[in-house]
């Protein structure tokens, strides 16, 4: 999927919510990036490494980006009063973390690689804050996916088998769920694969269980949406 300029529907989306710190690119967007990574981990994180580039790397402490990223990983939303106390909350929750600077490639200057570890797994999320609180995931576990989390987004781990995408699309159609965007990447033929499906409908957790029952080769399905 190609990436283009950020699309805004209102002046509020450009200005963004009132946040700690001088810039919504460095705060609201950072909270959402951290929150997406937590949702993709799908369990409580115990360690996170933030590798920052560009403007994020140069100003993350002064602009509150470190607090915002931590807050998102802790599950806080952009409007949560606890954001300025994110480091204290991390300590109380036993979350260890580190920040480092790194060249990540030809991405937006406000880009971070988050490596989250939970009790059973680790995920890598490369994402950019585009301005006004808007974000875009660039890579997930080193697969080149692009999604914003603004729509409900299904992130599905499964085996690469013929007909999986058709079966998934058919079930969504039967349930009246419209697909806005879909992308699939695999490690190799018949190997591990991930499908990302942005939809227009709000769905319940029970629907995720239904999908796993209907498509047994699904290993995991996570519903992601920014907060």
C-alpha atoms as a PDB file:
ATOM      1  CA  UNK A   1       0.000   0.000   0.000  1.00  0.00           C
ATOM      2  CA  UNK A   2       1.372   3.363  -0.942  1.00  0.00           C
ATOM      3  CA  UNK A   3       1.646   6.257   1.440  1.00  0.00           C
ATOM      4  CA  UNK A   4       0.518   9.757   0.601  1.00  0.00           C
ATOM      5  CA  UNK A   5       0.014  13.043   2.382  1.00  0.00           C
ATOM      6  CA  UNK A   6      -1.920  12.975   5.627  1.00  0.00           C
ATOM      7  CA  UNK A   7      -5.639  13.643   5.133  1.00  0.00           C
ATOM      8  CA  UNK A   8      -7.387  15.913   7.593  1.00  0.00           C
ATOM      9  CA  UNK A   9     -11.157  16.291   7.992  1.00  0.00           C
ATOM     10  CA  UNK A  10     -11.167  19.357  10.256  1.00  0.00           C
ATOM     11  CA  UNK A  11      -9.048  22.102  11.778  1.00  0.00           C
ATOM     12  CA  UNK A  12      -9.110  20.144  15.057  1.00  0.00           C
ATOM     13  CA  UNK A  13      -7.204  17.306  13.390  1.00  0.00           C
ATOM     14  CA  UNK A  14      -4.473  19.752  12.391  1.00  0.00           C
ATOM     15  CA  UNK A  15      -4.310  21.470  15.775  1.00  0.00           C
ATOM     16  CA  UNK A  16      -4.925  18.262  17.713  1.00  0.00           C
ATOM     17  CA  UNK A  17      -5.955  17.835  21.347  1.00  0.00           C
ATOM     18  CA  UNK A  18      -4.488  19.939  24.140  1.00  0.00           C
ATOM     19  CA  UNK A  19      -1.521  17.924  25.419  1.00  0.00           C
ATOM     20  CA  UNK A  20       1.470  18.029  27.725  1.00  0.00           C
ATOM     21  CA  UNK A  21       4.431  19.431  25.800  1.00  0.00           C
ATOM     22  CA  UNK A  22       4.632  22.033  23.006  1.00  0.00           C
ATOM     23  CA  UNK A  23       3.840  19.829  20.006  1.00  0.00           C
ATOM     24  CA  UNK A  24       1.039  17.383  19.209  1.00  0.00           C
ATOM     25  CA  UNK A  25       3.384  15.586  16.828  1.00  0.00           C
ATOM     26  CA  UNK A  26       5.614  14.885  19.810  1.00  0.00           C
ATOM     27  CA  UNK A  27       2.837  14.190  22.336  1.00  0.00           C
ATOM     28  CA  UNK A  28      -0.613  13.148  21.048  1.00  0.00           C
ATOM     29  CA  UNK A  29       0.933  11.257  18.135  1.00  0.00           C
ATOM     30  CA  UNK A  30       3.502   9.651  20.405  1.00  0.00           C
ATOM     31  CA  UNK A  31       0.809   8.476  22.836  1.00  0.00           C
ATOM     32  CA  UNK A  32      -1.075   6.855  19.962  1.00  0.00           C
ATOM     33  CA  UNK A  33       2.070   5.189  18.632  1.00  0.00           C
ATOM     34  CA  UNK A  34       2.775   3.709  22.050  1.00  0.00           C
ATOM     35  CA  UNK A  35      -0.842   2.639  22.450  1.00  0.00           C
ATOM     36  CA  UNK A  36      -0.876   0.857  19.084  1.00  0.00           C
ATOM     37  CA  UNK A  37       2.290  -1.032  20.011  1.00  0.00           C
ATOM     38  CA  UNK A  38       0.736  -2.141  23.312  1.00  0.00           C
ATOM     39  CA  UNK A  39      -2.360  -3.402  21.505  1.00  0.00           C
ATOM     40  CA  UNK A  40      -0.215  -5.332  19.033  1.00  0.00           C
ATOM     41  CA  UNK A  41       1.742  -6.943  21.873  1.00  0.00           C
ATOM     42  CA  UNK A  42      -1.642  -8.118  23.189  1.00  0.00           C
ATOM     43  CA  UNK A  43      -0.403  -8.501  26.758  1.00  0.00           C
ATOM     44  CA  UNK A  44       1.097  -6.332  29.471  1.00  0.00           C
ATOM     45  CA  UNK A  45       4.605  -5.187  28.515  1.00  0.00           C
ATOM     46  CA  UNK A  46       7.462  -5.718  30.951  1.00  0.00           C
ATOM     47  CA  UNK A  47      10.205  -4.058  28.888  1.00  0.00           C
ATOM     48  CA  UNK A  48      10.257  -1.601  26.005  1.00  0.00           C
ATOM     49  CA  UNK A  49      13.079  -0.101  23.990  1.00  0.00           C
ATOM     50  CA  UNK A  50      12.380   3.116  22.087  1.00  0.00           C
ATOM     51  CA  UNK A  51      14.775   3.895  19.206  1.00  0.00           C
ATOM     52  CA  UNK A  52      14.134   7.451  18.031  1.00  0.00           C
ATOM     53  CA  UNK A  53      15.254   9.253  14.876  1.00  0.00           C
ATOM     54  CA  UNK A  54      15.159  12.777  13.511  1.00  0.00           C
ATOM     55  CA  UNK A  55      13.186  15.366  15.432  1.00  0.00           C
ATOM     56  CA  UNK A  56      12.008  12.763  17.936  1.00  0.00           C
ATOM     57  CA  UNK A  57      15.615  11.926  18.784  1.00  0.00           C
ATOM     58  CA  UNK A  58      16.691  15.550  19.156  1.00  0.00           C
ATOM     59  CA  UNK A  59      13.868  16.855  21.344  1.00  0.00           C
ATOM     60  CA  UNK A  60      12.153  13.872  22.961  1.00  0.00           C
ATOM     61  CA  UNK A  61      12.921  14.916  26.545  1.00  0.00           C
ATOM     62  CA  UNK A  62      12.166  18.629  26.217  1.00  0.00           C
ATOM     63  CA  UNK A  63       8.953  18.070  24.254  1.00  0.00           C
ATOM     64  CA  UNK A  64       7.616  15.294  26.479  1.00  0.00           C
ATOM     65  CA  UNK A  65       7.826  12.631  23.780  1.00  0.00           C
ATOM     66  CA  UNK A  66       9.380  10.183  26.237  1.00  0.00           C
ATOM     67  CA  UNK A  67       6.434  10.625  28.616  1.00  0.00           C
ATOM     68  CA  UNK A  68       3.923  10.344  25.759  1.00  0.00           C
ATOM     69  CA  UNK A  69       5.428   7.155  24.317  1.00  0.00           C
ATOM     70  CA  UNK A  70       5.579   5.551  27.753  1.00  0.00           C
ATOM     71  CA  UNK A  71       2.007   6.608  28.498  1.00  0.00           C
ATOM     72  CA  UNK A  72       0.774   4.952  25.312  1.00  0.00           C
ATOM     73  CA  UNK A  73       2.634   1.727  26.040  1.00  0.00           C
ATOM     74  CA  UNK A  74       1.059   1.764  29.503  1.00  0.00           C
ATOM     75  CA  UNK A  75      -2.380   1.942  27.883  1.00  0.00           C
ATOM     76  CA  UNK A  76      -3.150   5.614  28.546  1.00  0.00           C
ATOM     77  CA  UNK A  77      -5.101   7.658  25.985  1.00  0.00           C
ATOM     78  CA  UNK A  78      -4.282  11.122  24.608  1.00  0.00           C
ATOM     79  CA  UNK A  79      -6.677  12.765  27.067  1.00  0.00           C
ATOM     80  CA  UNK A  80      -5.437  10.952  30.173  1.00  0.00           C
ATOM     81  CA  UNK A  81      -4.287  13.163  33.040  1.00  0.00           C
ATOM     82  CA  UNK A  82      -1.624  10.615  33.952  1.00  0.00           C
ATOM     83  CA  UNK A  83       0.635  11.325  30.957  1.00  0.00           C
ATOM     84  CA  UNK A  84       2.988  13.723  32.841  1.00  0.00           C
ATOM     85  CA  UNK A  85       3.467  10.971  35.469  1.00  0.00           C
ATOM     86  CA  UNK A  86       4.161   8.201  32.948  1.00  0.00           C
ATOM     87  CA  UNK A  87       7.606   7.374  34.333  1.00  0.00           C
ATOM     88  CA  UNK A  88       6.229   6.998  37.850  1.00  0.00           C
ATOM     89  CA  UNK A  89       3.358   4.854  36.556  1.00  0.00           C
ATOM     90  CA  UNK A  90       5.835   2.702  34.610  1.00  0.00           C
ATOM     91  CA  UNK A  91       7.828   2.121  37.795  1.00  0.00           C
ATOM     92  CA  UNK A  92       4.667   1.225  39.716  1.00  0.00           C
ATOM     93  CA  UNK A  93       3.713  -1.262  37.009  1.00  0.00           C
ATOM     94  CA  UNK A  94       7.166  -2.829  36.806  1.00  0.00           C
ATOM     95  CA  UNK A  95       7.704  -1.647  33.238  1.00  0.00           C
ATOM     96  CA  UNK A  96      11.390  -1.256  32.405  1.00  0.00           C
ATOM     97  CA  UNK A  97      12.305   0.963  29.486  1.00  0.00           C
ATOM     98  CA  UNK A  98      15.143   2.677  27.637  1.00  0.00           C
ATOM     99  CA  UNK A  99      15.438   5.394  25.006  1.00  0.00           C
ATOM    100  CA  UNK A 100      18.123   5.473  22.343  1.00  0.00           C
ATOM    101  CA  UNK A 101      18.827   7.374  19.116  1.00  0.00           C
ATOM    102  CA  UNK A 102      19.117   5.527  15.820  1.00  0.00           C
ATOM    103  CA  UNK A 103      18.917   6.087  12.070  1.00  0.00           C
ATOM    104  CA  UNK A 104      15.877   4.090  10.981  1.00  0.00           C
ATOM    105  CA  UNK A 105      15.683   4.922   7.275  1.00  0.00           C
ATOM    106  CA  UNK A 106      13.933   7.384   4.971  1.00  0.00           C
ATOM    107  CA  UNK A 107      10.890   8.053   7.105  1.00  0.00           C
ATOM    108  CA  UNK A 108       9.133  11.074   8.555  1.00  0.00           C
ATOM    109  CA  UNK A 109      11.421  12.899  11.053  1.00  0.00           C
ATOM    110  CA  UNK A 110       9.084  11.997  13.947  1.00  0.00           C
ATOM    111  CA  UNK A 111       9.658   8.247  13.775  1.00  0.00           C
ATOM    112  CA  UNK A 112      10.314   5.645  16.459  1.00  0.00           C
ATOM    113  CA  UNK A 113      10.992   1.927  16.571  1.00  0.00           C
ATOM    114  CA  UNK A 114       9.318   0.357  19.595  1.00  0.00           C
ATOM    115  CA  UNK A 115      10.440  -3.093  20.738  1.00  0.00           C
ATOM    116  CA  UNK A 116       8.025  -4.378  23.368  1.00  0.00           C
ATOM    117  CA  UNK A 117       8.523  -7.517  25.433  1.00  0.00           C
ATOM    118  CA  UNK A 118       5.789  -9.191  27.435  1.00  0.00           C
ATOM    119  CA  UNK A 119       5.689 -12.392  29.391  1.00  0.00           C
ATOM    120  CA  UNK A 120       5.393 -14.577  26.292  1.00  0.00           C
ATOM    121  CA  UNK A 121       6.441 -12.567  23.250  1.00  0.00           C
ATOM    122  CA  UNK A 122       8.157  -9.553  21.690  1.00  0.00           C
ATOM    123  CA  UNK A 123       6.876  -7.259  18.945  1.00  0.00           C
ATOM    124  CA  UNK A 124       8.528  -4.541  16.872  1.00  0.00           C
ATOM    125  CA  UNK A 125       6.553  -1.525  15.686  1.00  0.00           C
ATOM    126  CA  UNK A 126       8.045   1.200  13.483  1.00  0.00           C
ATOM    127  CA  UNK A 127       5.729   4.205  13.363  1.00  0.00           C
ATOM    128  CA  UNK A 128       5.683   7.919  12.543  1.00  0.00           C
ATOM    129  CA  UNK A 129       3.807  10.889  14.008  1.00  0.00           C
ATOM    130  CA  UNK A 130       2.586  12.950  11.055  1.00  0.00           C
ATOM    131  CA  UNK A 131       1.198  16.006  12.852  1.00  0.00           C
ATOM    132  CA  UNK A 132      -2.013  16.956  14.609  1.00  0.00           C
ATOM    133  CA  UNK A 133      -2.017  13.652  16.465  1.00  0.00           C
ATOM    134  CA  UNK A 134      -2.150  11.580  13.270  1.00  0.00           C
ATOM    135  CA  UNK A 135       0.148   8.550  13.107  1.00  0.00           C
ATOM    136  CA  UNK A 136       1.131   5.870  10.639  1.00  0.00           C
ATOM    137  CA  UNK A 137       2.593   2.459  11.344  1.00  0.00           C
ATOM    138  CA  UNK A 138       5.365   1.804   8.820  1.00  0.00           C
ATOM    139  CA  UNK A 139       6.393  -1.725   9.797  1.00  0.00           C
ATOM    140  CA  UNK A 140       5.128  -4.417  12.138  1.00  0.00           C
ATOM    141  CA  UNK A 141       7.583  -7.167  13.112  1.00  0.00           C
ATOM    142  CA  UNK A 142       9.670  -6.058  10.114  1.00  0.00           C
ATOM    143  CA  UNK A 143       6.807  -6.605   7.664  1.00  0.00           C
ATOM    144  CA  UNK A 144       6.119  -3.421   5.604  1.00  0.00           C
ATOM    145  CA  UNK A 145       2.589  -2.572   6.718  1.00  0.00           C
ATOM    146  CA  UNK A 146       1.087   0.907   6.716  1.00  0.00           C
ATOM    147  CA  UNK A 147      -1.991   1.725   8.794  1.00  0.00           C
ATOM    148  CA  UNK A 148      -3.106   4.551  11.062  1.00  0.00           C
ATOM    149  CA  UNK A 149      -5.333   2.847  13.610  1.00  0.00           C
ATOM    150  CA  UNK A 150      -7.995   5.510  13.020  1.00  0.00           C
ATOM    151  CA  UNK A 151     -10.334   2.805  11.736  1.00  0.00           C
ATOM    152  CA  UNK A 152     -10.814  -0.491  13.572  1.00  0.00           C
ATOM    153  CA  UNK A 153      -7.935  -2.622  12.282  1.00  0.00           C
ATOM    154  CA  UNK A 154      -7.705  -6.409  12.401  1.00  0.00           C
ATOM    155  CA  UNK A 155      -4.125  -7.694  12.627  1.00  0.00           C
ATOM    156  CA  UNK A 156      -4.162 -11.423  11.954  1.00  0.00           C
ATOM    157  CA  UNK A 157      -1.294 -13.899  12.298  1.00  0.00           C
ATOM    158  CA  UNK A 158      -1.828 -17.095  10.319  1.00  0.00           C
ATOM    159  CA  UNK A 159      -0.170 -19.658   8.081  1.00  0.00           C
ATOM    160  CA  UNK A 160       0.206 -18.829   4.408  1.00  0.00           C
ATOM    161  CA  UNK A 161      -2.376 -21.017   2.702  1.00  0.00           C
ATOM    162  CA  UNK A 162      -4.376 -20.668  -0.471  1.00  0.00           C
ATOM    163  CA  UNK A 163      -7.846 -19.239   0.051  1.00  0.00           C
ATOM    164  CA  UNK A 164      -7.323 -17.639   3.467  1.00  0.00           C
ATOM    165  CA  UNK A 165      -7.853 -14.078   2.243  1.00  0.00           C
ATOM    166  CA  UNK A 166     -10.939 -15.117   0.257  1.00  0.00           C
ATOM    167  CA  UNK A 167     -12.380 -16.905   3.295  1.00  0.00           C
ATOM    168  CA  UNK A 168     -11.713 -13.927   5.558  1.00  0.00           C
ATOM    169  CA  UNK A 169     -13.273 -11.514   3.063  1.00  0.00           C
ATOM    170  CA  UNK A 170     -16.324 -13.753   2.688  1.00  0.00           C
ATOM    171  CA  UNK A 171     -16.944 -13.929   6.449  1.00  0.00           C
ATOM    172  CA  UNK A 172     -16.627 -10.152   6.782  1.00  0.00           C
ATOM    173  CA  UNK A 173     -19.052  -9.707   3.885  1.00  0.00           C
ATOM    174  CA  UNK A 174     -21.574 -12.115   5.403  1.00  0.00           C
ATOM    175  CA  UNK A 175     -21.457 -10.181   8.690  1.00  0.00           C
ATOM    176  CA  UNK A 176     -22.032  -6.868   6.917  1.00  0.00           C
ATOM    177  CA  UNK A 177     -18.512  -5.583   7.613  1.00  0.00           C
ATOM    178  CA  UNK A 178     -16.977  -3.371   4.943  1.00  0.00           C
ATOM    179  CA  UNK A 179     -13.238  -3.609   4.220  1.00  0.00           C
ATOM    180  CA  UNK A 180     -11.568  -0.227   3.797  1.00  0.00           C
ATOM    181  CA  UNK A 181      -8.012  -1.502   3.145  1.00  0.00           C
ATOM    182  CA  UNK A 182      -6.306  -4.867   3.302  1.00  0.00           C
ATOM    183  CA  UNK A 183      -2.683  -6.003   3.042  1.00  0.00           C
ATOM    184  CA  UNK A 184      -0.946  -9.356   3.435  1.00  0.00           C
ATOM    185  CA  UNK A 185       2.710 -10.257   3.914  1.00  0.00           C
ATOM    186  CA  UNK A 186       4.344 -13.649   4.388  1.00  0.00           C
ATOM    187  CA  UNK A 187       7.768 -14.896   5.406  1.00  0.00           C
ATOM    188  CA  UNK A 188       7.749 -17.566   2.672  1.00  0.00           C
ATOM    189  CA  UNK A 189       5.341 -19.843   0.785  1.00  0.00           C
ATOM    190  CA  UNK A 190       3.346 -21.826   3.369  1.00  0.00           C
ATOM    191  CA  UNK A 191       5.202 -20.002   6.130  1.00  0.00           C
ATOM    192  CA  UNK A 192       4.123 -17.483   8.746  1.00  0.00           C
ATOM    193  CA  UNK A 193       1.971 -14.637   7.423  1.00  0.00           C
ATOM    194  CA  UNK A 194       0.253 -11.501   8.691  1.00  0.00           C
ATOM    195  CA  UNK A 195      -2.860  -9.870   7.266  1.00  0.00           C
ATOM    196  CA  UNK A 196      -3.864  -6.320   8.206  1.00  0.00           C
ATOM    197  CA  UNK A 197      -7.474  -5.421   7.495  1.00  0.00           C
ATOM    198  CA  UNK A 198      -8.907  -1.946   8.130  1.00  0.00           C
ATOM    199  CA  UNK A 199     -12.698  -1.986   8.424  1.00  0.00           C
ATOM    200  CA  UNK A 200     -15.479   0.582   8.660  1.00  0.00           C
ATOM    201  CA  UNK A 201     -17.474  -1.125  11.400  1.00  0.00           C
ATOM    202  CA  UNK A 202     -17.193  -1.269  15.168  1.00  0.00           C
ATOM    203  CA  UNK A 203     -16.995  -4.943  16.179  1.00  0.00           C
ATOM    204  CA  UNK A 204     -17.152  -6.882  19.432  1.00  0.00           C
ATOM    205  CA  UNK A 205     -14.542  -9.246  20.867  1.00  0.00           C
ATOM    206  CA  UNK A 206     -16.965 -12.108  20.230  1.00  0.00           C
ATOM    207  CA  UNK A 207     -16.480 -11.546  16.498  1.00  0.00           C
ATOM    208  CA  UNK A 208     -12.747 -12.165  16.868  1.00  0.00           C
ATOM    209  CA  UNK A 209     -13.491 -15.502  18.512  1.00  0.00           C
ATOM    210  CA  UNK A 210     -15.872 -16.337  15.668  1.00  0.00           C
ATOM    211  CA  UNK A 211     -13.168 -15.637  13.082  1.00  0.00           C
ATOM    212  CA  UNK A 212     -10.732 -17.956  14.865  1.00  0.00           C
ATOM    213  CA  UNK A 213     -13.347 -20.715  14.928  1.00  0.00           C
ATOM    214  CA  UNK A 214     -14.253 -20.256  11.280  1.00  0.00           C
ATOM    215  CA  UNK A 215     -10.619 -20.048  10.087  1.00  0.00           C
ATOM    216  CA  UNK A 216      -8.649 -22.546  12.222  1.00  0.00           C
ATOM    217  CA  UNK A 217      -5.258 -21.625  10.753  1.00  0.00           C
ATOM    218  CA  UNK A 218      -5.494 -18.185  12.418  1.00  0.00           C
ATOM    219  CA  UNK A 219      -2.933 -18.185  15.231  1.00  0.00           C
ATOM    220  CA  UNK A 220      -3.883 -14.801  16.652  1.00  0.00           C
ATOM    221  CA  UNK A 221      -6.175 -11.923  15.838  1.00  0.00           C
ATOM    222  CA  UNK A 222      -5.875  -8.492  17.466  1.00  0.00           C
ATOM    223  CA  UNK A 223      -8.197  -5.524  17.087  1.00  0.00           C
ATOM    224  CA  UNK A 224      -6.277  -2.229  17.018  1.00  0.00           C
ATOM    225  CA  UNK A 225      -7.653   1.286  17.238  1.00  0.00           C
ATOM    226  CA  UNK A 226      -6.011   4.508  18.386  1.00  0.00           C
ATOM    227  CA  UNK A 227      -7.152   6.214  21.574  1.00  0.00           C
END
